[in-house]
PDB file of N, CA and C in Angstrom:
ATOM      1  N   MET A   1     165.770 139.180  75.100  1.00  0.00           N
ATOM      2  CA  MET A   1     167.195 138.591  75.930  1.00  0.00           C
ATOM      3  C   MET A   1     167.595 140.066  76.311  1.00  0.00           C
ATOM      4  N   VAL A   2     167.359 140.976  76.043  1.00  0.00           N
ATOM      5  CA  VAL A   2     166.795 142.311  76.598  1.00  0.00           C
ATOM      6  C   VAL A   2     166.676 142.529  77.309  1.00  0.00           C
ATOM      7  N   PHE A   3     165.290 142.317  77.868  1.00  0.00           N
ATOM      8  CA  PHE A   3     164.399 142.824  78.297  1.00  0.00           C
ATOM      9  C   PHE A   3     164.160 141.395  79.676  1.00  0.00           C
ATOM     10  N   LYS A   4     165.322 140.525  79.586  1.00  0.00           N
ATOM     11  CA  LYS A   4     165.276 139.048  79.723  1.00  0.00           C
ATOM     12  C   LYS A   4     164.220 138.950  81.075  1.00  0.00           C
ATOM     13  N   ASN A   5     165.652 140.354  82.534  1.00  0.00           N
ATOM     14  CA  ASN A   5     164.846 140.366  84.202  1.00  0.00           C
ATOM     15  C   ASN A   5     163.705 141.333  83.600  1.00  0.00           C
ATOM     16  N   GLU A   6     163.070 141.986  82.656  1.00  0.00           N
ATOM     17  CA  GLU A   6     162.310 143.581  83.100  1.00  0.00           C
ATOM     18  C   GLU A   6     161.185 142.976  82.799  1.00  0.00           C
ATOM     19  N   ILE A   7     161.056 141.818  82.080  1.00  0.00           N
ATOM     20  CA  ILE A   7     158.980 141.237  82.050  1.00  0.00           C
ATOM     21  C   ILE A   7     158.900 140.024  81.814  1.00  0.00           C
ATOM     22  N   GLU A   8     158.010 138.988  82.628  1.00  0.00           N
ATOM     23  CA  GLU A   8     158.010 137.619  82.860  1.00  0.00           C
ATOM     24  C   GLU A   8     157.454 137.401  82.045  1.00  0.00           C
ATOM     25  N   GLN A   9     158.248 136.650  82.467  1.00  0.00           N
ATOM     26  CA  GLN A   9     158.208 135.184  80.878  1.00  0.00           C
ATOM     27  C   GLN A   9     156.783 134.911  80.180  1.00  0.00           C
ATOM     28  N   GLU A  10     155.902 135.150  81.226  1.00  0.00           N
ATOM     29  CA  GLU A  10     154.656 134.527  80.301  1.00  0.00           C
ATOM     30  C   GLU A  10     153.729 135.991  79.470  1.00  0.00           C
ATOM     31  N   LYS A  11     154.622 136.775  80.055  1.00  0.00           N
ATOM     32  CA  LYS A  11     154.444 137.991  78.638  1.00  0.00           C
ATOM     33  C   LYS A  11     154.918 138.578  77.846  1.00  0.00           C
ATOM     34  N   VAL A  12     155.906 138.003  77.826  1.00  0.00           N
ATOM     35  CA  VAL A  12     157.135 137.600  76.262  1.00  0.00           C
ATOM     36  C   VAL A  12     156.295 137.923  74.813  1.00  0.00           C
ATOM     37  N   LYS A  13     155.688 136.943  74.954  1.00  0.00           N
ATOM     38  CA  LYS A  13     154.994 136.211  73.950  1.00  0.00           C
ATOM     39  C   LYS A  13     153.506 137.107  73.455  1.00  0.00           C
ATOM     40  N   TRP A  14     153.533 137.785  73.683  1.00  0.00           N
ATOM     41  CA  TRP A  14     151.983 138.915  74.355  1.00  0.00           C
ATOM     42  C   TRP A  14     152.882 140.036  73.272  1.00  0.00           C
ATOM     43  N   TYR A  15     154.120 140.809  73.897  1.00  0.00           N
ATOM     44  CA  TYR A  15     154.863 141.849  73.275  1.00  0.00           C
ATOM     45  C   TYR A  15     155.324 141.193  72.405  1.00  0.00           C
ATOM     46  N   SER A  16     155.803 140.285  72.233  1.00  0.00           N
ATOM     47  CA  SER A  16     156.622 139.955  70.648  1.00  0.00           C
ATOM     48  C   SER A  16     155.181 140.242  69.469  1.00  0.00           C
ATOM     49  N   ILE A  17     154.183 139.720  69.857  1.00  0.00           N
ATOM     50  CA  ILE A  17     153.254 139.907  68.860  1.00  0.00           C
ATOM     51  C   ILE A  17     152.957 140.646  68.260  1.00  0.00           C
ATOM     52  N   LEU A  18     152.594 142.023  70.160  1.00  0.00           N
ATOM     53  CA  LEU A  18     152.577 143.872  69.353  1.00  0.00           C
ATOM     54  C   LEU A  18     154.255 143.682  68.120  1.00  0.00           C
ATOM     55  N   ILE A  19     155.364 144.086  69.213  1.00  0.00           N
ATOM     56  CA  ILE A  19     155.794 143.931  68.522  1.00  0.00           C
ATOM     57  C   ILE A  19     156.072 143.840  67.249  1.00  0.00           C
ATOM     58  N   TYR A  20     155.511 142.967  66.396  1.00  0.00           N
ATOM     59  CA  TYR A  20     155.711 142.016  65.057  1.00  0.00           C
ATOM     60  C   TYR A  20     154.661 142.452  64.326  1.00  0.00           C
ATOM     61  N   PHE A  21     153.365 142.954  64.775  1.00  0.00           N
ATOM     62  CA  PHE A  21     151.965 143.754  64.351  1.00  0.00           C
ATOM     63  C   PHE A  21     152.828 144.822  64.337  1.00  0.00           C
ATOM     64  N   LEU A  22     153.122 145.953  65.390  1.00  0.00           N
ATOM     65  CA  LEU A  22     153.594 147.517  64.652  1.00  0.00           C
ATOM     66  C   LEU A  22     154.435 147.082  64.102  1.00  0.00           C
ATOM     67  N   TYR A  23     156.014 146.675  64.033  1.00  0.00           N
ATOM     68  CA  TYR A  23     156.873 146.439  62.767  1.00  0.00           C
ATOM     69  C   TYR A  23     156.131 146.633  61.604  1.00  0.00           C
ATOM     70  N   TYR A  24     155.821 145.451  61.067  1.00  0.00           N
ATOM     71  CA  TYR A  24     154.220 145.329  59.498  1.00  0.00           C
ATOM     72  C   TYR A  24     153.777 146.726  59.753  1.00  0.00           C
ATOM     73  N   LEU A  25     152.787 147.007  60.758  1.00  0.00           N
ATOM     74  CA  LEU A  25     152.130 147.597  60.140  1.00  0.00           C
ATOM     75  C   LEU A  25     153.095 149.442  60.127  1.00  0.00           C
ATOM     76  N   LEU A  26     153.280 149.854  61.227  1.00  0.00           N
ATOM     77  CA  LEU A  26     154.193 150.901  61.029  1.00  0.00           C
ATOM     78  C   LEU A  26     154.951 151.000  59.312  1.00  0.00           C
ATOM     79  N   PHE A  27     156.017 150.102  59.405  1.00  0.00           N
ATOM     80  CA  PHE A  27     156.967 150.563  58.571  1.00  0.00           C
ATOM     81  C   PHE A  27     155.521 150.301  57.513  1.00  0.00           C
ATOM     82  N   GLU A  28     154.762 149.769  56.505  1.00  0.00           N
ATOM     83  CA  GLU A  28     153.981 149.947  55.722  1.00  0.00           C
ATOM     84  C   GLU A  28     153.501 150.441  54.794  1.00  0.00           C
ATOM     85  N   TYR A  29     152.693 150.841  56.596  1.00  0.00           N
ATOM     86  CA  TYR A  29     151.212 151.897  56.062  1.00  0.00           C
ATOM     87  C   TYR A  29     152.733 153.853  55.935  1.00  0.00           C
ATOM     88  N   PHE A  30     153.247 153.557  56.095  1.00  0.00           N
ATOM     89  CA  PHE A  30     154.328 155.502  56.256  1.00  0.00           C
ATOM     90  C   PHE A  30     155.077 155.635  54.923  1.00  0.00           C
ATOM     91  N   THR A  31     155.789 154.535  55.152  1.00  0.00           N
ATOM     92  CA  THR A  31     156.624 154.055  54.128  1.00  0.00           C
ATOM     93  C   THR A  31     156.541 153.007  53.025  1.00  0.00           C
ATOM     94  N   GLY A  32     155.220 152.235  53.323  1.00  0.00           N
ATOM     95  CA  GLY A  32     155.041 151.423  51.839  1.00  0.00           C
ATOM     96  C   GLY A  32     156.627 150.370  52.193  1.00  0.00           C
ATOM     97  N   GLN A  33     157.055 150.053  53.268  1.00  0.00           N
ATOM     98  CA  GLN A  33     158.364 149.161  52.513  1.00  0.00           C
ATOM     99  C   GLN A  33     158.806 149.199  54.776  1.00  0.00           C
ATOM    100  N   THR A  34     159.479 147.898  54.338  1.00  0.00           N
ATOM    101  CA  THR A  34     160.044 147.217  55.912  1.00  0.00           C
ATOM    102  C   THR A  34     161.233 147.871  55.400  1.00  0.00           C
ATOM    103  N   PRO A  35     162.057 147.338  56.308  1.00  0.00           N
ATOM    104  CA  PRO A  35     163.635 147.657  55.533  1.00  0.00           C
ATOM    105  C   PRO A  35     163.848 146.579  54.835  1.00  0.00           C
ATOM    106  N   GLY A  36     163.317 145.517  54.284  1.00  0.00           N
ATOM    107  CA  GLY A  36     163.816 144.064  54.050  1.00  0.00           C
ATOM    108  C   GLY A  36     163.161 144.730  52.639  1.00  0.00           C
ATOM    109  N   LYS A  37     162.413 145.471  52.279  1.00  0.00           N
ATOM    110  CA  LYS A  37     161.886 146.241  51.130  1.00  0.00           C
ATOM    111  C   LYS A  37     162.486 146.835  50.893  1.00  0.00           C
ATOM    112  N   MET A  38     163.120 147.685  51.144  1.00  0.00           N
ATOM    113  CA  MET A  38     164.148 148.810  50.741  1.00  0.00           C
ATOM    114  C   MET A  38     165.751 148.269  49.915  1.00  0.00           C
ATOM    115  N   ILE A  39     166.220 147.364  51.333  1.00  0.00           N
ATOM    116  CA  ILE A  39     167.052 146.216  50.301  1.00  0.00           C
ATOM    117  C   ILE A  39     166.974 145.724  49.363  1.00  0.00           C
ATOM    118  N   THR A  40     165.746 145.244  48.863  1.00  0.00           N
ATOM    119  CA  THR A  40     165.047 145.246  47.593  1.00  0.00           C
ATOM    120  C   THR A  40     164.912 145.910  46.698  1.00  0.00           C
ATOM    121  N   ARG A  41     164.775 146.643  47.070  1.00  0.00           N
ATOM    122  CA  ARG A  41     163.611 147.663  46.426  1.00  0.00           C
ATOM    123  C   ARG A  41     162.379 147.513  45.579  1.00  0.00           C
ATOM    124  N   SER A  42     161.668 146.655  46.860  1.00  0.00           N
ATOM    125  CA  SER A  42     160.462 146.706  45.914  1.00  0.00           C
ATOM    126  C   SER A  42     159.567 147.309  47.476  1.00  0.00           C
ATOM    127  N   LYS A  43     158.358 147.576  47.240  1.00  0.00           N
ATOM    128  CA  LYS A  43     157.056 147.963  47.823  1.00  0.00           C
ATOM    129  C   LYS A  43     155.731 148.449  47.565  1.00  0.00           C
ATOM    130  N   VAL A  44     155.289 148.203  48.704  1.00  0.00           N
ATOM    131  CA  VAL A  44     153.538 147.685  49.149  1.00  0.00           C
ATOM    132  C   VAL A  44     152.836 148.493  48.357  1.00  0.00           C
ATOM    133  N   ALA A  45     151.978 147.454  47.264  1.00  0.00           N
ATOM    134  CA  ALA A  45     151.228 148.862  46.865  1.00  0.00           C
ATOM    135  C   ALA A  45     149.197 148.142  47.108  1.00  0.00           C
ATOM    136  N   SER A  46     148.675 149.319  46.601  1.00  0.00           N
ATOM    137  CA  SER A  46     146.831 148.560  46.657  1.00  0.00           C
ATOM    138  C   SER A  46     146.697 148.402  45.189  1.00  0.00           C
ATOM    139  N   LEU A  47     146.139 146.898  44.964  1.00  0.00           N
ATOM    140  CA  LEU A  47     145.843 147.087  43.890  1.00  0.00           C
ATOM    141  C   LEU A  47     144.664 147.323  42.610  1.00  0.00           C
ATOM    142  N   PRO A  48     143.689 148.427  42.966  1.00  0.00           N
ATOM    143  CA  PRO A  48     143.350 149.098  43.087  1.00  0.00           C
ATOM    144  C   PRO A  48     144.003 150.268  42.493  1.00  0.00           C
ATOM    145  N   ASP A  49     144.944 150.841  43.006  1.00  0.00           N
ATOM    146  CA  ASP A  49     145.873 151.738  42.478  1.00  0.00           C
ATOM    147  C   ASP A  49     145.435 153.200  43.014  1.00  0.00           C
ATOM    148  N   ASN A  50     144.633 153.291  44.566  1.00  0.00           N
ATOM    149  CA  ASN A  50     143.804 153.854  44.698  1.00  0.00           C
ATOM    150  C   ASN A  50     144.349 154.074  46.704  1.00  0.00           C
ATOM    151  N   LYS A  51     144.172 155.066  47.009  1.00  0.00           N
ATOM    152  CA  LYS A  51     144.777 154.905  49.119  1.00  0.00           C
ATOM    153  C   LYS A  51     143.110 155.227  49.436  1.00  0.00           C
ATOM    154  N   ASP A  52     142.815 154.615  48.965  1.00  0.00           N
ATOM    155  CA  ASP A  52     141.088 154.989  49.683  1.00  0.00           C
ATOM    156  C   ASP A  52     141.292 153.696  50.603  1.00  0.00           C
ATOM    157  N   TYR A  53     140.960 153.710  51.995  1.00  0.00           N
ATOM    158  CA  TYR A  53     141.321 152.810  52.550  1.00  0.00           C
ATOM    159  C   TYR A  53     142.327 151.813  52.682  1.00  0.00           C
ATOM    160  N   TYR A  54     143.280 152.855  52.584  1.00  0.00           N
ATOM    161  CA  TYR A  54     144.496 152.192  52.283  1.00  0.00           C
ATOM    162  C   TYR A  54     145.771 151.638  53.615  1.00  0.00           C
ATOM    163  N   PHE A  55     145.091 152.414  55.037  1.00  0.00           N
ATOM    164  CA  PHE A  55     145.601 152.057  56.526  1.00  0.00           C
ATOM    165  C   PHE A  55     144.587 150.670  57.144  1.00  0.00           C
ATOM    166  N   ILE A  56     142.818 150.803  56.378  1.00  0.00           N
ATOM    167  CA  ILE A  56     143.076 149.633  56.569  1.00  0.00           C
ATOM    168  C   ILE A  56     143.353 148.061  55.714  1.00  0.00           C
ATOM    169  N   ARG A  57     143.841 148.445  54.939  1.00  0.00           N
ATOM    170  CA  ARG A  57     144.803 147.408  53.370  1.00  0.00           C
ATOM    171  C   ARG A  57     144.803 147.100  53.846  1.00  0.00           C
ATOM    172  N   ILE A  58     146.329 147.409  54.846  1.00  0.00           N
ATOM    173  CA  ILE A  58     148.119 147.757  55.736  1.00  0.00           C
ATOM    174  C   ILE A  58     147.689 146.627  56.967  1.00  0.00           C
ATOM    175  N   THR A  59     146.392 147.255  57.453  1.00  0.00           N
ATOM    176  CA  THR A  59     146.108 146.462  58.849  1.00  0.00           C
ATOM    177  C   THR A  59     146.136 145.274  58.793  1.00  0.00           C
ATOM    178  N   LEU A  60     144.467 144.701  57.628  1.00  0.00           N
ATOM    179  CA  LEU A  60     144.580 143.464  57.633  1.00  0.00           C
ATOM    180  C   LEU A  60     145.940 142.872  56.950  1.00  0.00           C
ATOM    181  N   ARG A  61     146.573 143.131  56.290  1.00  0.00           N
ATOM    182  CA  ARG A  61     147.526 142.868  55.207  1.00  0.00           C
ATOM    183  C   ARG A  61     148.696 142.374  56.548  1.00  0.00           C
ATOM    184  N   THR A  62     149.043 143.194  57.524  1.00  0.00           N
ATOM    185  CA  THR A  62     149.737 142.762  58.864  1.00  0.00           C
ATOM    186  C   THR A  62     149.273 141.793  59.394  1.00  0.00           C
ATOM    187  N   LEU A  63     147.898 142.414  59.975  1.00  0.00           N
ATOM    188  CA  LEU A  63     146.631 140.609  60.796  1.00  0.00           C
ATOM    189  C   LEU A  63     146.829 138.598  59.854  1.00  0.00           C
ATOM    190  N   MET A  64     146.891 139.627  58.731  1.00  0.00           N
ATOM    191  CA  MET A  64     146.763 138.011  57.764  1.00  0.00           C
ATOM    192  C   MET A  64     148.379 137.066  57.475  1.00  0.00           C
ATOM    193  N   ARG A  65     149.072 137.736  57.874  1.00  0.00           N
ATOM    194  CA  ARG A  65     150.531 137.342  58.458  1.00  0.00           C
ATOM    195  C   ARG A  65     150.220 136.366  59.908  1.00  0.00           C
ATOM    196  N   PHE A  66     149.730 136.106  61.064  1.00  0.00           N
ATOM    197  CA  PHE A  66     149.477 135.732  61.366  1.00  0.00           C
ATOM    198  C   PHE A  66     148.674 134.467  61.795  1.00  0.00           C
ATOM    199  N   ILE A  67     148.036 134.297  60.225  1.00  0.00           N
ATOM    200  CA  ILE A  67     147.192 132.366  59.670  1.00  0.00           C
ATOM    201  C   ILE A  67     148.430 132.350  59.981  1.00  0.00           C
ATOM    202  N   PRO A  68     149.147 130.742  60.313  1.00  0.00           N
ATOM    203  CA  PRO A  68     149.297 130.057  59.976  1.00  0.00           C
ATOM    204  C   PRO A  68     149.456 129.448  58.900  1.00  0.00           C
ATOM    205  N   PHE A  69     148.848 129.403  58.358  1.00  0.00           N
ATOM    206  CA  PHE A  69     149.985 128.484  56.709  1.00  0.00           C
ATOM    207  C   PHE A  69     149.027 129.488  55.775  1.00  0.00           C
ATOM    208  N   ASP A  70     149.501 130.808  55.938  1.00  0.00           N
ATOM    209  CA  ASP A  70     150.177 131.970  55.517  1.00  0.00           C
ATOM    210  C   ASP A  70     151.099 131.801  54.182  1.00  0.00           C
ATOM    211  N   MET A  71     152.267 131.597  54.432  1.00  0.00           N
ATOM    212  CA  MET A  71     153.239 130.677  54.544  1.00  0.00           C
ATOM    213  C   MET A  71     152.888 129.663  52.959  1.00  0.00           C
ATOM    214  N   LEU A  72     152.580 128.422  52.866  1.00  0.00           N
ATOM    215  CA  LEU A  72     151.729 127.856  52.003  1.00  0.00           C
ATOM    216  C   LEU A  72     151.703 128.405  51.226  1.00  0.00           C
ATOM    217  N   SER A  73     150.637 128.860  51.411  1.00  0.00           N
ATOM    218  CA  SER A  73     149.805 129.951  50.239  1.00  0.00           C
ATOM    219  C   SER A  73     150.622 130.352  49.044  1.00  0.00           C
ATOM    220  N   TYR A  74     151.870 130.707  49.797  1.00  0.00           N
ATOM    221  CA  TYR A  74     153.097 130.972  47.568  1.00  0.00           C
ATOM    222  C   TYR A  74     153.288 128.861  47.468  1.00  0.00           C
ATOM    223  N   LEU A  75     152.444 127.949  47.904  1.00  0.00           N
ATOM    224  CA  LEU A  75     152.767 126.882  47.096  1.00  0.00           C
ATOM    225  C   LEU A  75     151.723 127.169  45.364  1.00  0.00           C
ATOM    226  N   PHE A  76     150.500 127.784  45.979  1.00  0.00           N
ATOM    227  CA  PHE A  76     149.768 127.665  45.019  1.00  0.00           C
ATOM    228  C   PHE A  76     149.817 129.086  43.927  1.00  0.00           C
ATOM    229  N   SER A  77     150.762 130.026  45.012  1.00  0.00           N
ATOM    230  CA  SER A  77     150.202 131.532  43.970  1.00  0.00           C
ATOM    231  C   SER A  77     151.730 132.020  44.572  1.00  0.00           C
ATOM    232  N   TYR A  78     152.285 133.263  43.292  1.00  0.00           N
ATOM    233  CA  TYR A  78     153.097 133.935  43.737  1.00  0.00           C
ATOM    234  C   TYR A  78     152.980 134.774  44.384  1.00  0.00           C
ATOM    235  N   ARG A  79     151.838 135.284  44.364  1.00  0.00           N
ATOM    236  CA  ARG A  79     150.997 136.514  46.189  1.00  0.00           C
ATOM    237  C   ARG A  79     150.337 135.492  47.260  1.00  0.00           C
ATOM    238  N   GLY A  80     151.065 135.758  48.535  1.00  0.00           N
ATOM    239  CA  GLY A  80     150.133 135.250  49.950  1.00  0.00           C
ATOM    240  C   GLY A  80     148.977 135.385  50.560  1.00  0.00           C
ATOM    241  N   LEU A  81     148.411 134.721  50.594  1.00  0.00           N
ATOM    242  CA  LEU A  81     147.591 134.955  51.856  1.00  0.00           C
ATOM    243  C   LEU A  81     147.010 136.214  51.706  1.00  0.00           C
ATOM    244  N   HIS A  82     148.462 137.113  52.828  1.00  0.00           N
ATOM    245  CA  HIS A  82     147.010 137.891  53.018  1.00  0.00           C
ATOM    246  C   HIS A  82     147.244 139.235  52.155  1.00  0.00           C
ATOM    247  N   ASP A  83     148.239 139.153  50.710  1.00  0.00           N
ATOM    248  CA  ASP A  83     148.324 140.133  49.840  1.00  0.00           C
ATOM    249  C   ASP A  83     146.928 140.034  49.262  1.00  0.00           C
ATOM    250  N   ARG A  84     146.168 138.534  49.150  1.00  0.00           N
ATOM    251  CA  ARG A  84     145.033 138.398  47.995  1.00  0.00           C
ATOM    252  C   ARG A  84     143.887 138.876  48.975  1.00  0.00           C
ATOM    253  N   ILE A  85     144.529 138.561  49.786  1.00  0.00           N
ATOM    254  CA  ILE A  85     143.058 139.260  50.629  1.00  0.00           C
ATOM    255  C   ILE A  85     143.039 140.585  50.948  1.00  0.00           C
ATOM    256  N   SER A  86     143.608 141.208  51.619  1.00  0.00           N
ATOM    257  CA  SER A  86     144.231 142.381  51.307  1.00  0.00           C
ATOM    258  C   SER A  86     144.113 142.975  50.524  1.00  0.00           C
ATOM    259  N   LYS A  87     144.299 142.766  48.794  1.00  0.00           N
ATOM    260  CA  LYS A  87     143.997 143.686  47.660  1.00  0.00           C
ATOM    261  C   LYS A  87     145.731 144.188  47.740  1.00  0.00           C
ATOM    262  N   THR A  88     146.157 144.018  48.489  1.00  0.00           N
ATOM    263  CA  THR A  88     147.769 144.251  48.033  1.00  0.00           C
ATOM    264  C   THR A  88     148.408 143.733  47.147  1.00  0.00           C
ATOM    265  N   THR A  89     149.666 144.188  46.637  1.00  0.00           N
ATOM    266  CA  THR A  89     150.764 143.675  46.025  1.00  0.00           C
ATOM    267  C   THR A  89     151.686 143.744  46.074  1.00  0.00           C
ATOM    268  N   ILE A  90     153.060 143.216  46.098  1.00  0.00           N
ATOM    269  CA  ILE A  90     154.129 143.571  45.708  1.00  0.00           C
ATOM    270  C   ILE A  90     154.737 144.848  44.186  1.00  0.00           C
ATOM    271  N   ILE A  91     155.814 145.565  44.434  1.00  0.00           N
ATOM    272  CA  ILE A  91     155.659 146.146  43.033  1.00  0.00           C
ATOM    273  C   ILE A  91     158.062 146.553  43.649  1.00  0.00           C
ATOM    274  N   LYS A  92     158.260 146.147  42.314  1.00  0.00           N
ATOM    275  CA  LYS A  92     159.084 146.269  42.006  1.00  0.00           C
ATOM    276  C   LYS A  92     160.022 147.970  41.982  1.00  0.00           C
ATOM    277  N   LEU A  93     161.263 149.285  42.236  1.00  0.00           N
ATOM    278  CA  LEU A  93     161.240 150.046  42.399  1.00  0.00           C
ATOM    279  C   LEU A  93     162.452 150.359  41.235  1.00  0.00           C
TER     280      LEU A  93
END
């Protein structure tokens, strides 16, 4: 709504996808937390508990969020598909 007159209607979808991707990627890579995780005092952690390939893991985790049935994966497991594939988990602080 803020850029309604500035951005062509066809491009809004692509800008939204880019902002969504960068939001998760940058917050989770640099701090391990998004604002929602900060409020709930939780953090993203790598399962092997080392920082090897951490950027790749967070990038993969963020890309997996675009899979439409990612939310449905919580019906069968306490970890979402984006956590299982990227070998990450959420820990309480």
